[in-house]
């Protein structure tokens, strides 16, 4: 089985950049995977896609040297195992609130006797290379999302879960969980209490010897998070990147036209137009 490049980066103490896919398109996946990300995550929780969309997206990413991952909809063994069988080399699971839930996540991702994963890597047998069965437990990454008040209260216990590779912060839900609706939702938190919580997750992960990951909205905030001790950062997603580039292009066009109005479009009698 081929080596998981994220694990190699982590072992070398190098930060990893993760891309995010919410649009059900193998072409979008192919484009994003070729841009230089270390990993790309297909979002089955909030993304506009399901398994039938995710499978060809994972296939399209294979042409690039990128680690394919998936955020599953919930802590559901069927969904987790099916995405692993489809070739995901990492699973991000939302709303992990306790060590017991983290233990279940790890169990669903490991074959017996370590875990309870059923054997049937239909596509992974080919996409991951020879030796998938014996090596999968060592190469697949499990990330538990910390995004609730319960998750923060049980943070140390979650991080100490045997076999868990890392914790992943969903800053929008974490803000809702800790402060309700006192603050806007979204990424790149600047509120002192939320920044403190974000940095506490990175510290807890480091103390437990596992990895910390954070979803961000901009490269600037992502770089700051690496300075806080995060090992993996996600910057935006395909939806926001497409919208942002389109908005900037339209705004630039409108601005240029407003600054230099075109010449009158009256009919030129001599030319006939």
Protein backbone atom coordinates (compact mmCIF):
# COMPACT_ATOMS: atom_id res chain seq x y z
CA UNK A 1 0.00 0.00 0.00
CA UNK A 2 1.28 3.48 -0.82
CA UNK A 3 2.34 5.72 2.04
CA UNK A 4 0.00 8.40 3.30
CA UNK A 5 1.83 11.64 2.48
CA UNK A 6 0.15 13.49 5.33
CA UNK A 7 1.69 11.06 7.79
CA UNK A 8 5.07 11.65 6.19
CA UNK A 9 4.65 15.42 6.53
CA UNK A 10 3.55 15.10 10.14
CA UNK A 11 6.53 12.88 10.97
CA UNK A 12 8.82 15.52 9.48
CA UNK A 13 7.06 18.26 11.48
CA UNK A 14 5.97 20.02 8.30
CA UNK A 15 2.57 21.75 8.02
CA UNK A 16 -0.04 20.39 5.62
CA UNK A 17 -2.48 22.33 3.45
CA UNK A 18 -5.89 20.78 2.86
CA UNK A 19 -8.39 21.69 0.15
CA UNK A 20 -12.15 21.28 0.48
CA UNK A 21 -14.79 20.13 -2.01
CA UNK A 22 -18.49 20.88 -1.58
CA UNK A 23 -19.57 20.84 -5.22
CA UNK A 24 -20.60 17.50 -6.72
CA UNK A 25 -18.22 17.52 -9.68
CA UNK A 26 -15.38 15.22 -10.64
CA UNK A 27 -14.03 18.02 -12.85
CA UNK A 28 -13.92 20.44 -9.91
CA UNK A 29 -12.17 17.74 -7.88
CA UNK A 30 -9.65 17.19 -10.65
CA UNK A 31 -8.92 20.92 -10.92
CA UNK A 32 -8.53 21.42 -7.16
CA UNK A 33 -6.34 18.35 -6.76
CA UNK A 34 -3.87 19.67 -9.32
CA UNK A 35 -3.26 22.99 -7.55
CA UNK A 36 -0.64 21.84 -5.06
CA UNK A 37 -2.65 20.96 -1.95
CA UNK A 38 -1.26 18.20 0.26
CA UNK A 39 -4.72 16.71 0.75
CA UNK A 40 -8.25 17.29 -0.52
CA UNK A 41 -11.40 16.56 1.50
CA UNK A 42 -14.76 15.70 -0.03
CA UNK A 43 -17.51 17.05 2.23
CA UNK A 44 -20.45 14.69 2.58
CA UNK A 45 -21.85 16.49 5.63
CA UNK A 46 -22.59 19.99 4.33
CA UNK A 47 -21.46 19.63 0.74
CA UNK A 48 -24.00 19.40 -2.09
CA UNK A 49 -23.11 15.78 -2.80
CA UNK A 50 -23.56 12.17 -1.72
CA UNK A 51 -21.67 8.87 -2.14
CA UNK A 52 -22.55 8.53 -5.82
CA UNK A 53 -20.96 11.96 -6.38
CA UNK A 54 -18.03 11.42 -4.03
CA UNK A 55 -16.79 8.23 -5.69
CA UNK A 56 -15.97 9.79 -9.10
CA UNK A 57 -14.49 12.79 -7.29
CA UNK A 58 -12.05 10.50 -5.49
CA UNK A 59 -11.28 8.84 -8.81
CA UNK A 60 -10.58 12.20 -10.45
CA UNK A 61 -8.16 13.16 -7.67
CA UNK A 62 -6.05 10.07 -8.23
CA UNK A 63 -4.30 11.73 -11.19
CA UNK A 64 -2.64 14.18 -8.76
CA UNK A 65 -0.26 13.51 -5.91
CA UNK A 66 -2.76 14.46 -3.23
CA UNK A 67 -4.14 12.60 -0.21
CA UNK A 68 -7.89 11.97 -0.65
CA UNK A 69 -10.01 12.45 2.46
CA UNK A 70 -13.70 12.68 3.30
CA UNK A 71 -15.81 14.38 5.92
CA UNK A 72 -18.63 11.98 6.64
CA UNK A 73 -22.14 13.17 7.55
CA UNK A 74 -22.06 11.78 11.09
CA UNK A 75 -20.59 9.15 13.39
CA UNK A 76 -22.11 6.37 11.34
CA UNK A 77 -20.18 3.14 10.72
CA UNK A 78 -21.76 2.51 7.32
CA UNK A 79 -20.86 5.94 5.96
CA UNK A 80 -17.32 5.80 7.36
CA UNK A 81 -16.55 2.31 6.09
CA UNK A 82 -18.05 3.01 2.69
CA UNK A 83 -15.87 6.07 2.16
CA UNK A 84 -12.79 4.13 3.23
CA UNK A 85 -13.69 1.36 0.79
CA UNK A 86 -14.06 4.05 -1.89
CA UNK A 87 -10.44 5.06 -1.36
CA UNK A 88 -10.41 7.85 1.23
CA UNK A 89 -7.15 7.79 3.20
CA UNK A 90 -8.49 10.01 5.95
CA UNK A 91 -11.85 10.53 7.64
CA UNK A 92 -12.99 13.71 9.37
CA UNK A 93 -15.99 13.00 11.60
CA UNK A 94 -18.21 15.84 12.89
CA UNK A 95 -19.62 16.48 16.34
CA UNK A 96 -17.42 14.21 18.46
CA UNK A 97 -18.40 15.06 22.02
CA UNK A 98 -16.82 12.40 24.21
CA UNK A 99 -14.06 9.82 24.42
CA UNK A 100 -16.64 7.08 23.90
CA UNK A 101 -17.62 8.63 20.57
CA UNK A 102 -13.96 9.03 19.61
CA UNK A 103 -13.37 5.37 20.44
CA UNK A 104 -16.25 4.39 18.17
CA UNK A 105 -14.78 6.48 15.35
CA UNK A 106 -11.42 4.75 15.69
CA UNK A 107 -13.09 1.35 15.85
CA UNK A 108 -15.04 1.91 12.64
CA UNK A 109 -11.79 2.75 10.83
CA UNK A 110 -9.67 -0.21 11.94
CA UNK A 111 -9.95 -3.88 11.06
CA UNK A 112 -10.28 -6.56 13.77
CA UNK A 113 -8.86 -7.25 16.24
CA UNK A 114 -8.11 -3.53 16.73
CA UNK A 115 -11.47 -2.30 15.46
CA UNK A 116 -14.77 -3.35 13.92
CA UNK A 117 -14.36 -2.31 10.27
CA UNK A 118 -15.83 -4.79 7.83
CA UNK A 119 -13.50 -5.96 5.07
CA UNK A 120 -14.47 -5.06 1.51
CA UNK A 121 -12.19 -2.34 0.09
CA UNK A 122 -13.81 -2.44 -3.34
CA UNK A 123 -11.95 0.51 -4.86
CA UNK A 124 -9.28 1.06 -2.21
CA UNK A 125 -7.67 -2.25 -3.24
CA UNK A 126 -6.76 -0.55 -6.51
CA UNK A 127 -6.41 3.14 -5.64
CA UNK A 128 -4.15 2.56 -2.62
CA UNK A 129 -1.96 -0.05 -4.24
CA UNK A 130 -1.05 -3.62 -3.23
CA UNK A 131 -1.17 -4.62 0.42
CA UNK A 132 -4.19 -2.57 1.44
CA UNK A 133 -5.56 -5.14 3.87
CA UNK A 134 -2.43 -5.56 6.01
CA UNK A 135 -1.36 -1.89 5.90
CA UNK A 136 -4.60 0.13 5.95
CA UNK A 137 -4.77 0.48 9.72
CA UNK A 138 -1.38 2.21 9.75
CA UNK A 139 -1.92 4.51 6.77
CA UNK A 140 -5.47 5.81 7.29
CA UNK A 141 -5.98 8.97 9.34
CA UNK A 142 -8.85 9.55 11.76
CA UNK A 143 -9.82 13.11 12.74
CA UNK A 144 -12.46 13.85 15.38
CA UNK A 145 -14.12 17.25 14.99
CA UNK A 146 -14.15 19.42 18.10
CA UNK A 147 -17.00 21.89 17.63
CA UNK A 148 -19.28 21.79 20.67
CA UNK A 149 -19.22 22.77 24.35
CA UNK A 150 -19.22 19.07 25.28
CA UNK A 151 -16.33 18.45 22.95
CA UNK A 152 -14.32 21.18 24.67
CA UNK A 153 -15.22 19.91 28.13
CA UNK A 154 -14.04 16.44 27.15
CA UNK A 155 -11.12 17.63 25.03
CA UNK A 156 -8.30 15.98 26.96
CA UNK A 157 -10.15 12.65 27.14
CA UNK A 158 -10.91 12.76 23.41
CA UNK A 159 -7.30 13.55 22.54
CA UNK A 160 -6.13 10.63 24.69
CA UNK A 161 -8.23 8.13 22.71
CA UNK A 162 -5.96 5.29 21.56
CA UNK A 163 -5.69 5.17 17.78
CA UNK A 164 -7.07 8.66 17.16
CA UNK A 165 -4.76 10.55 14.81
CA UNK A 166 -5.99 14.08 15.29
CA UNK A 167 -8.67 16.60 16.15
CA UNK A 168 -10.19 19.01 13.64
CA UNK A 169 -11.86 22.29 14.62
CA UNK A 170 -15.02 23.47 12.93
CA UNK A 171 -14.84 27.13 14.04
CA UNK A 172 -18.39 28.08 13.06
CA UNK A 173 -20.03 25.35 15.12
CA UNK A 174 -17.49 25.78 17.92
CA UNK A 175 -18.45 29.45 18.18
CA UNK A 176 -22.15 28.55 18.30
CA UNK A 177 -21.47 25.84 20.87
CA UNK A 178 -19.49 28.09 23.19
CA UNK A 179 -21.27 31.42 22.78
CA UNK A 180 -24.63 30.72 21.18
CA UNK A 181 -25.63 33.50 18.79
CA UNK A 182 -23.62 36.26 20.46
CA UNK A 183 -21.18 36.22 17.55
CA UNK A 184 -21.53 35.79 13.81
CA UNK A 185 -20.85 32.35 12.41
CA UNK A 186 -17.96 31.68 10.08
CA UNK A 187 -14.22 31.05 9.97
CA UNK A 188 -11.18 33.08 11.07
CA UNK A 189 -12.35 33.87 14.58
CA UNK A 190 -10.93 36.94 16.29
CA UNK A 191 -12.98 36.92 19.50
CA UNK A 192 -10.54 36.39 22.41
CA UNK A 193 -12.62 33.63 24.00
CA UNK A 194 -12.84 31.68 20.73
CA UNK A 195 -9.17 32.18 19.90
CA UNK A 196 -8.36 30.91 23.38
CA UNK A 197 -10.47 27.81 22.77
CA UNK A 198 -8.89 27.22 19.36
CA UNK A 199 -5.40 27.44 20.79
CA UNK A 200 -6.39 25.18 23.69
CA UNK A 201 -7.30 22.45 21.19
CA UNK A 202 -3.90 22.70 19.51
CA UNK A 203 -2.18 22.51 22.90
CA UNK A 204 -4.23 19.52 24.05
CA UNK A 205 -3.48 17.68 20.82
CA UNK A 206 0.23 18.35 21.13
CA UNK A 207 0.29 17.14 24.73
CA UNK A 208 -1.47 13.93 23.66
CA UNK A 209 0.90 13.38 20.75
CA UNK A 210 -1.74 13.69 18.04
CA UNK A 211 -2.36 16.22 15.27
CA UNK A 212 -4.43 19.40 15.33
CA UNK A 213 -6.30 20.74 12.29
CA UNK A 214 -8.29 23.91 11.71
CA UNK A 215 -10.69 25.07 9.01
CA UNK A 216 -9.91 28.64 7.97
CA UNK A 217 -11.17 31.15 5.44
CA UNK A 218 -7.95 32.83 4.32
CA UNK A 219 -4.27 31.95 3.81
CA UNK A 220 -3.29 34.66 6.31
CA UNK A 221 -5.31 33.14 9.13
CA UNK A 222 -4.15 29.65 8.15
CA UNK A 223 -0.51 30.71 8.42
CA UNK A 224 -1.24 32.23 11.83
CA UNK A 225 -2.78 28.93 12.92
CA UNK A 226 0.37 27.07 11.90
CA UNK A 227 2.22 29.43 14.21
CA UNK A 228 -0.16 28.41 17.00
CA UNK A 229 0.90 24.79 16.56
CA UNK A 230 -1.65 23.41 14.12
CA UNK A 231 -0.40 20.64 11.85
CA UNK A 232 -3.02 20.87 9.10
CA UNK A 233 -5.08 23.81 7.88
CA UNK A 234 -7.92 23.98 5.39
CA UNK A 235 -8.23 27.25 3.48
CA UNK A 236 -11.76 28.02 2.26
CA UNK A 237 -13.50 25.59 -0.14
CA UNK A 238 -14.41 25.25 -3.80
CA UNK A 239 -17.70 27.15 -3.36
CA UNK A 240 -16.13 30.17 -1.66
CA UNK A 241 -13.13 30.21 -3.99
CA UNK A 242 -15.37 30.16 -7.06
CA UNK A 243 -17.66 32.84 -5.62
CA UNK A 244 -14.74 35.00 -4.53
CA UNK A 245 -12.95 34.84 -7.88
CA UNK A 246 -16.19 35.52 -9.75
CA UNK A 247 -17.09 38.42 -7.50
CA UNK A 248 -13.65 39.98 -7.91
CA UNK A 249 -13.79 39.59 -11.69
CA UNK A 250 -17.26 41.15 -11.95
CA UNK A 251 -16.33 43.99 -9.59
CA UNK A 252 -13.19 44.75 -11.57
CA UNK A 253 -15.12 44.84 -14.83
CA UNK A 254 -17.82 47.13 -13.40
CA UNK A 255 -15.17 49.43 -11.98
CA UNK A 256 -13.26 49.72 -15.26
CA UNK A 257 -16.42 50.39 -17.26
CA UNK A 258 -17.56 53.03 -14.79
CA UNK A 259 -14.17 54.76 -14.91
CA UNK A 260 -13.98 54.82 -18.71
CA UNK A 261 -17.47 54.72 -20.30
CA UNK A 262 -17.51 53.27 -23.82
CA UNK A 263 -17.92 55.57 -26.82
CA UNK A 264 -21.48 56.28 -28.01
CA UNK A 265 -23.01 53.40 -29.92
CA UNK A 266 -24.89 55.48 -32.51
CA UNK A 267 -25.16 54.32 -36.13
CA UNK A 268 -22.31 55.38 -38.40
CA UNK A 269 -24.05 56.36 -41.66
CA UNK A 270 -20.88 55.93 -43.71
CA UNK A 271 -20.15 52.44 -42.41
CA UNK A 272 -23.73 51.35 -42.01
CA UNK A 273 -23.41 50.45 -38.36
